[in-house]
Structure formats: structure tokens, C-alpha cells
Amino acid sequence: MTSSYTSPLPDQIDELWEQRSTLTPDHSEARAVITGAIDQIDEGKARVAFVDPTTDAVVVDERAKRSILLGFKVLDMKESHVGDFYHHDRMPLKTRFDGVRVVAGAIARWGSYLAPGVVLMPSFTNIGAYVGSGTMVDTWATVGSCAQVGENVHLSGGVGVGGVLEPPQASPVIIEDDAFLGSRSMVVEGARVRTGAKLGAGTILTSSTRVFDAETGEELKRGEAPAWSVCVTANRAKSFPGGEFGMPVLLVLKRLQEGEEHDKLALNDLLREHGVNA
């Protein structure tokens, strides 16, 4: 946590974190504090991370992550079932879906927050994740633990948004408002897709991915898809002792006007020019 940010979660979580090696499901008082904290994350009253609107920095609430990790210490393994499907886990499934459309086959774990207006196709949303209003989590997409997804985002079929729980201070993946992730794209390791960015199908973005502007050749900040841009995975030649190889990079094909609604047909046409689909 930054020095200027105060977590809404109780400070007992930090005390329990120091005692984590001794905690078991028999510690009922500790369990009450921890489950209460995870409930706040589940309700959206607390969240693992957010973008500070003043500094544009990602602020991580370590106490929220610690609450989740402590949950695995104080909760018993329990069997549950949905129809003919049986589960055996410490963390139950989510039960709060106010204003959320949940299609059969979708799974969301307790401790994930889904804002009203979210649509879950058959997909998986892990604990600690935050999904903003108007976002579509399409078929077989995965929102990993603690990933933060903004409003009006489209996660296309098979998209993988990576998760991170440990270490607590590590920054999770951030997908900002109005972003579009094409089918089978992967965003992992705390990478950031900024507002309005569009990723073509199969795009890979990690925190260490190099990013280049196709128009200027300029190298941009690593691990980030720039705001209001259209991006794809490309290869850049690099010499090694064993020869020259193409290393994956993120290529910014086009810059959009801020706030520009880039319709799906136009996006597909642009990407097809370069042999990529959405």
C-alpha cells in the first residue's frame, strides 16, 4: 500500500498475517475477521488494486491480498455441488449477482466483485478479481485472481487475464475502461491495457513485453498497451550466439482519437489488413 492510501479493511488483518504460520480452521475469531474482509471484497467495498486518478499509478491494497491468502489458512475443505457438478474447495462459489447476467456454465468464486451490468458467458472469474459495469466476459475467458477489469470492456472468447496473489505487494493485471481483447489474447504478469486499447486476436502482453509504434518505430513503455490504440503481437529480430531469432513484441498499428468508438467491423477490417482478426 502507498503511504497516502488507507485500506478500508481492518488492521487486524496485518496482525493475523504475522501469525499466519500458526493459523488453522480452529481459530474461529481469526476466521470471522478474515471472512468479513473477503466479504467486503466480494461486495466491492474493498478491492485489491485500482488506478489512482491523480498520479495514474496502480495502487495495490496489500491488506486485501493478505485477507484472501489468510482465507486459505482458516477455511476447511468442503464439498458443494451445482446440479450434477461437485466441487471440493476451501473457497465457496460466489452468491452475489445483483444486476449481473450469468449464463449457465459461468463460474465466479466468492471474493470476486462483479458490478451490475456485467455479462458472464461460460467463463471463470477468480477470487480477488474486480469486473466493472457493462463488461462482457465471453465464452471460456478467464479473469485471474486479483485481476482488475474496468467498465465496458470486452474479453473475447478464450481470453486469459492472468492472476497474481503472491507476493502481496505485486501489481495485478489492469484492464482499463473501454478496452477490447481479441479472441485468445493473453495479458499476464501485471501488464496493463490502458483505456480504449484494442488487442487483436492472439495478442500476448506481459510486464516485460517490449512495445513499438508501427508508424514511428519508437519504443514505448514495456508491458503496456497504450490508451486508444490498436495493437497486435509481432516479432522483432534479435541476435544471439546461436543465431538471429524473432522475439515477440507488442506492435501499435494505429492510434485512435480519445473516446473514439471503434466499431467491430472497422476493427476487423484494420486487423485483417495485417493478417490478424479480432
Protein backbone atom coordinates (compact mmCIF):
# COMPACT_ATOMS: atom_id res chain seq x y z
CA MET A 1 0.00 0.00 0.00
CA THR A 2 1.15 3.55 -0.64
CA SER A 3 1.70 5.86 2.32
CA SER A 4 -1.24 8.04 1.19
CA TYR A 5 -3.72 5.16 0.89
CA THR A 6 -5.59 3.65 3.82
CA SER A 7 -7.22 0.28 3.29
CA PRO A 8 -10.91 0.01 4.24
CA LEU A 9 -10.16 -3.44 5.66
CA PRO A 10 -9.46 -3.90 9.40
CA ASP A 11 -5.89 -3.58 10.62
CA GLN A 12 -6.31 -6.93 12.41
CA ILE A 13 -5.56 -8.48 9.00
CA ASP A 14 -1.95 -7.27 9.25
CA GLU A 15 -1.67 -8.71 12.75
CA LEU A 16 -3.06 -12.05 11.60
CA TRP A 17 -0.68 -12.02 8.65
CA GLU A 18 2.25 -12.04 11.07
CA GLN A 19 0.67 -15.08 12.77
CA ARG A 20 -0.23 -16.88 9.54
CA SER A 21 2.05 -19.87 10.12
CA THR A 22 0.04 -20.79 13.23
CA LEU A 23 -3.49 -20.21 11.90
CA THR A 24 -5.86 -23.14 11.32
CA PRO A 25 -9.62 -23.57 10.79
CA ASP A 26 -9.90 -23.94 14.59
CA HIS A 27 -9.19 -20.22 15.06
CA SER A 28 -12.81 -19.01 14.93
CA GLU A 29 -12.13 -15.37 15.88
CA ALA A 30 -9.48 -15.02 13.20
CA ARG A 31 -11.78 -16.70 10.69
CA ALA A 32 -14.55 -14.18 11.42
CA VAL A 33 -12.21 -11.24 10.77
CA ILE A 34 -10.80 -12.77 7.58
CA THR A 35 -14.13 -13.85 6.07
CA GLY A 36 -15.55 -10.42 6.89
CA ALA A 37 -12.72 -8.81 4.93
CA ILE A 38 -13.22 -11.12 1.95
CA ASP A 39 -16.93 -10.33 2.07
CA GLN A 40 -16.07 -6.65 1.63
CA ILE A 41 -14.01 -7.52 -1.47
CA ASP A 42 -16.89 -9.69 -2.74
CA GLU A 43 -19.28 -6.73 -2.33
CA GLY A 44 -16.93 -4.24 -3.99
CA LYS A 45 -16.44 -2.25 -0.77
CA ALA A 46 -12.73 -3.04 -0.94
CA ARG A 47 -10.57 -4.05 -3.89
CA VAL A 48 -7.12 -5.44 -4.44
CA ALA A 49 -5.93 -2.62 -6.69
CA PHE A 50 -7.01 0.48 -8.56
CA VAL A 51 -5.54 3.25 -10.70
CA ASP A 52 -5.02 6.49 -8.79
CA PRO A 53 -6.79 9.16 -10.89
CA THR A 54 -4.31 11.82 -9.75
CA THR A 55 -0.99 10.05 -10.24
CA ASP A 56 -2.05 7.38 -12.79
CA ALA A 57 -0.16 4.87 -10.64
CA VAL A 58 -1.53 1.43 -9.77
CA VAL A 59 -2.24 1.29 -6.04
CA VAL A 60 -2.23 -2.20 -4.50
CA ASP A 61 -4.09 -2.88 -1.26
CA GLU A 62 -1.81 -5.48 0.30
CA ARG A 63 -4.31 -6.00 3.10
CA ALA A 64 -6.90 -7.21 0.58
CA LYS A 65 -4.45 -9.74 -0.83
CA ARG A 66 -3.45 -10.84 2.64
CA SER A 67 -7.10 -11.40 3.54
CA ILE A 68 -7.51 -13.76 0.59
CA LEU A 69 -4.32 -15.67 1.35
CA LEU A 70 -5.31 -15.97 5.01
CA GLY A 71 -8.66 -17.40 3.93
CA PHE A 72 -6.86 -20.50 2.69
CA LYS A 73 -5.45 -20.93 6.21
CA VAL A 74 -8.68 -20.68 8.22
CA LEU A 75 -11.31 -22.25 5.94
CA ASP A 76 -11.96 -26.00 5.86
CA MET A 77 -12.17 -28.04 2.68
CA LYS A 78 -15.87 -28.51 1.91
CA GLU A 79 -17.84 -30.35 -0.74
CA SER A 80 -20.51 -28.43 -2.63
CA HIS A 81 -22.44 -29.10 -5.78
CA VAL A 82 -24.36 -27.37 -8.54
CA GLY A 83 -26.66 -29.89 -10.16
CA ASP A 84 -24.51 -32.87 -11.09
CA PHE A 85 -21.25 -30.93 -10.74
CA TYR A 86 -19.35 -31.40 -7.46
CA HIS A 87 -16.66 -29.14 -6.01
CA HIS A 88 -14.20 -29.70 -3.18
CA ASP A 89 -12.54 -26.47 -2.12
CA ARG A 90 -11.80 -24.09 0.74
CA MET A 91 -13.35 -21.12 -1.08
CA PRO A 92 -17.07 -21.29 -1.92
CA LEU A 93 -18.63 -20.05 -5.13
CA LYS A 94 -19.93 -16.50 -5.35
CA THR A 95 -23.59 -15.90 -4.47
CA ARG A 96 -23.97 -12.12 -5.06
CA PHE A 97 -25.01 -11.38 -8.64
CA ASP A 98 -27.13 -8.23 -8.32
CA GLY A 99 -27.75 -6.93 -11.84
CA VAL A 100 -25.33 -9.45 -13.36
CA ARG A 101 -26.25 -11.80 -16.20
CA VAL A 102 -24.77 -15.24 -15.52
CA VAL A 103 -25.09 -17.77 -18.34
CA ALA A 104 -25.11 -21.47 -17.45
CA GLY A 105 -21.54 -22.74 -17.17
CA ALA A 106 -20.09 -19.50 -15.82
CA ILE A 107 -18.11 -19.82 -12.57
CA ALA A 108 -17.21 -16.99 -10.20
CA ARG A 109 -15.57 -17.55 -6.82
CA TRP A 110 -16.52 -15.80 -3.60
CA GLY A 111 -14.28 -12.78 -3.14
CA SER A 112 -14.61 -11.63 -6.75
CA TYR A 113 -16.64 -8.50 -7.46
CA LEU A 114 -19.00 -8.25 -10.44
CA ALA A 115 -20.65 -4.87 -10.96
CA PRO A 116 -24.27 -4.56 -12.15
CA GLY A 117 -24.37 -4.86 -15.93
CA VAL A 118 -21.59 -7.46 -16.21
CA VAL A 119 -22.31 -10.42 -18.50
CA LEU A 120 -20.67 -13.76 -17.77
CA MET A 121 -20.76 -16.30 -20.57
CA PRO A 122 -19.42 -19.77 -19.64
CA SER A 123 -16.16 -18.49 -18.14
CA PHE A 124 -14.14 -18.35 -14.92
CA THR A 125 -13.64 -15.38 -12.58
CA ASN A 126 -11.23 -15.99 -9.73
CA ILE A 127 -11.11 -14.66 -6.17
CA GLY A 128 -9.99 -11.06 -5.74
CA ALA A 129 -10.92 -10.10 -9.29
CA TYR A 130 -12.87 -6.91 -9.97
CA VAL A 131 -15.05 -6.60 -13.10
CA GLY A 132 -16.66 -3.24 -13.89
CA SER A 133 -20.14 -2.46 -15.15
CA GLY A 134 -21.00 -3.21 -18.77
CA THR A 135 -18.13 -5.65 -19.24
CA MET A 136 -18.58 -8.88 -21.21
CA VAL A 137 -16.58 -11.93 -20.10
CA ASP A 138 -17.08 -14.11 -23.16
CA THR A 139 -17.01 -17.88 -23.55
CA TRP A 140 -14.01 -19.67 -21.98
CA ALA A 141 -12.42 -16.38 -20.95
CA THR A 142 -10.60 -16.35 -17.60
CA VAL A 143 -10.27 -13.43 -15.21
CA GLY A 144 -7.41 -14.43 -12.92
CA SER A 145 -7.05 -13.88 -9.18
CA CYS A 146 -6.97 -10.17 -8.28
CA ALA A 147 -7.11 -9.01 -11.92
CA GLN A 148 -8.79 -5.61 -12.25
CA VAL A 149 -11.08 -5.11 -15.25
CA GLY A 150 -12.76 -1.77 -15.92
CA GLU A 151 -16.12 -0.77 -17.33
CA ASN A 152 -17.43 -1.56 -20.82
CA VAL A 153 -14.58 -3.96 -21.55
CA HIS A 154 -14.97 -6.90 -23.96
CA LEU A 155 -12.98 -10.02 -23.11
CA SER A 156 -13.48 -12.15 -26.23
CA GLY A 157 -13.69 -15.93 -26.34
CA GLY A 158 -10.77 -17.71 -24.70
CA VAL A 159 -9.05 -14.57 -23.42
CA GLY A 160 -6.72 -15.18 -20.49
CA VAL A 161 -6.29 -12.37 -17.98
CA GLY A 162 -3.59 -13.55 -15.62
CA GLY A 163 -3.82 -13.58 -11.85
CA VAL A 164 -1.42 -12.86 -9.02
CA LEU A 165 -1.79 -13.38 -5.28
CA GLU A 166 1.79 -13.61 -4.08
CA PRO A 167 3.71 -11.62 -3.13
CA PRO A 168 1.01 -9.34 -1.68
CA GLN A 169 2.67 -6.17 -2.97
CA ALA A 170 2.82 -7.41 -6.59
CA SER A 171 0.68 -5.45 -9.03
CA PRO A 172 -2.09 -7.44 -10.74
CA VAL A 173 -3.15 -7.18 -14.38
CA ILE A 174 -5.04 -3.95 -15.06
CA ILE A 175 -7.54 -3.74 -17.94
CA GLU A 176 -8.91 -0.21 -18.09
CA ASP A 177 -12.31 1.06 -19.28
CA ASP A 178 -13.47 0.56 -22.90
CA ALA A 179 -10.69 -1.90 -23.76
CA PHE A 180 -11.20 -4.78 -26.22
CA LEU A 181 -9.20 -8.02 -26.00
CA GLY A 182 -9.45 -10.17 -29.13
CA SER A 183 -10.03 -13.90 -29.03
CA ARG A 184 -7.34 -15.96 -27.28
CA SER A 185 -5.34 -12.92 -26.22
CA MET A 186 -3.26 -13.30 -23.04
CA VAL A 187 -2.46 -10.45 -20.64
CA VAL A 188 -0.37 -11.58 -17.66
CA GLU A 189 2.30 -10.68 -15.07
CA GLY A 190 0.87 -7.33 -14.04
CA ALA A 191 0.69 -5.95 -17.58
CA ARG A 192 -1.63 -3.02 -18.24
CA VAL A 193 -4.11 -2.43 -21.06
CA ARG A 194 -4.93 1.25 -20.96
CA THR A 195 -8.24 2.95 -21.63
CA GLY A 196 -9.75 2.24 -25.03
CA ALA A 197 -6.94 -0.02 -26.25
CA LYS A 198 -7.87 -2.81 -28.69
CA LEU A 199 -5.84 -6.04 -28.88
CA GLY A 200 -6.09 -8.25 -31.96
CA ALA A 201 -6.71 -11.97 -31.65
CA GLY A 202 -3.88 -13.94 -30.08
CA THR A 203 -2.06 -10.90 -28.71
CA ILE A 204 0.36 -11.66 -25.87
CA LEU A 205 1.24 -8.95 -23.34
CA THR A 206 3.41 -9.46 -20.26
CA SER A 207 5.05 -6.95 -17.92
CA SER A 208 8.33 -7.35 -19.83
CA THR A 209 6.93 -7.27 -23.39
CA ARG A 210 8.61 -4.59 -25.50
CA VAL A 211 6.18 -2.22 -27.21
CA PHE A 212 6.79 -0.40 -30.51
CA ASP A 213 4.88 2.15 -32.59
CA ALA A 214 4.50 0.87 -36.16
CA GLU A 215 4.34 4.40 -37.61
CA THR A 216 7.43 5.87 -35.95
CA GLY A 217 9.45 2.86 -34.79
CA GLU A 218 9.58 4.45 -31.34
CA GLU A 219 9.86 2.09 -28.38
CA LEU A 220 7.15 2.76 -25.82
CA LYS A 221 6.75 1.73 -22.19
CA ARG A 222 7.13 -2.01 -21.68
CA GLY A 223 4.18 -4.11 -20.62
CA GLU A 224 1.51 -1.58 -21.59
CA ALA A 225 -0.95 -1.29 -24.46
CA PRO A 226 -1.26 2.50 -24.93
CA ALA A 227 -4.61 4.19 -24.47
CA TRP A 228 -6.82 4.42 -27.59
CA SER A 229 -4.60 2.25 -29.76
CA VAL A 230 -4.94 -0.89 -31.87
CA CYS A 231 -2.26 -3.46 -31.03
CA VAL A 232 -1.11 -6.90 -32.20
CA THR A 233 1.70 -9.29 -31.39
CA ALA A 234 4.63 -9.04 -33.82
CA ASN A 235 8.24 -10.24 -33.96
CA ARG A 236 11.45 -8.25 -33.77
CA ALA A 237 14.79 -9.75 -34.79
CA LYS A 238 17.38 -10.19 -32.05
CA SER A 239 20.86 -11.66 -32.35
CA PHE A 240 22.01 -14.45 -30.06
CA PRO A 241 25.23 -16.53 -30.06
CA GLY A 242 23.25 -19.28 -31.76
CA GLY A 243 21.81 -17.07 -34.47
CA GLU A 244 19.15 -14.42 -35.09
CA PHE A 245 15.64 -15.06 -33.81
CA GLY A 246 12.33 -13.26 -33.87
CA MET A 247 11.28 -12.19 -30.37
CA PRO A 248 7.64 -11.34 -29.63
CA VAL A 249 6.76 -7.67 -29.15
CA LEU A 250 3.55 -5.63 -29.00
CA LEU A 251 3.09 -3.53 -32.13
CA VAL A 252 0.87 -0.44 -32.05
CA LEU A 253 -0.75 -0.40 -35.50
CA LYS A 254 -2.93 2.67 -35.13
CA ARG A 255 -3.80 5.46 -32.71
CA LEU A 256 -7.48 6.24 -32.16
CA GLN A 257 -8.98 9.55 -31.16
CA GLU A 258 -9.58 9.69 -27.42
CA GLY A 259 -13.09 8.41 -26.77
CA GLU A 260 -13.43 7.11 -30.32
CA GLU A 261 -15.84 4.23 -30.59
CA HIS A 262 -14.04 1.86 -32.94
CA ASP A 263 -16.81 -0.41 -34.19
CA LYS A 264 -16.18 -4.13 -34.53
CA LEU A 265 -16.41 -4.21 -38.34
CA ALA A 266 -13.90 -1.38 -38.74
CA LEU A 267 -11.59 -3.01 -36.21
CA ASN A 268 -11.79 -6.34 -38.05
CA ASP A 269 -11.03 -4.64 -41.37
CA LEU A 270 -7.99 -2.89 -39.93
CA LEU A 271 -6.63 -6.08 -38.35
CA ARG A 272 -7.25 -8.17 -41.46
CA GLU A 273 -5.06 -5.78 -43.43
CA HIS A 274 -2.24 -7.11 -41.27
CA GLY A 275 -3.33 -10.77 -41.25
CA VAL A 276 -5.00 -10.63 -37.82
CA ASN A 277 -8.64 -10.91 -36.71
CA ALA A 278 -10.41 -9.68 -33.62
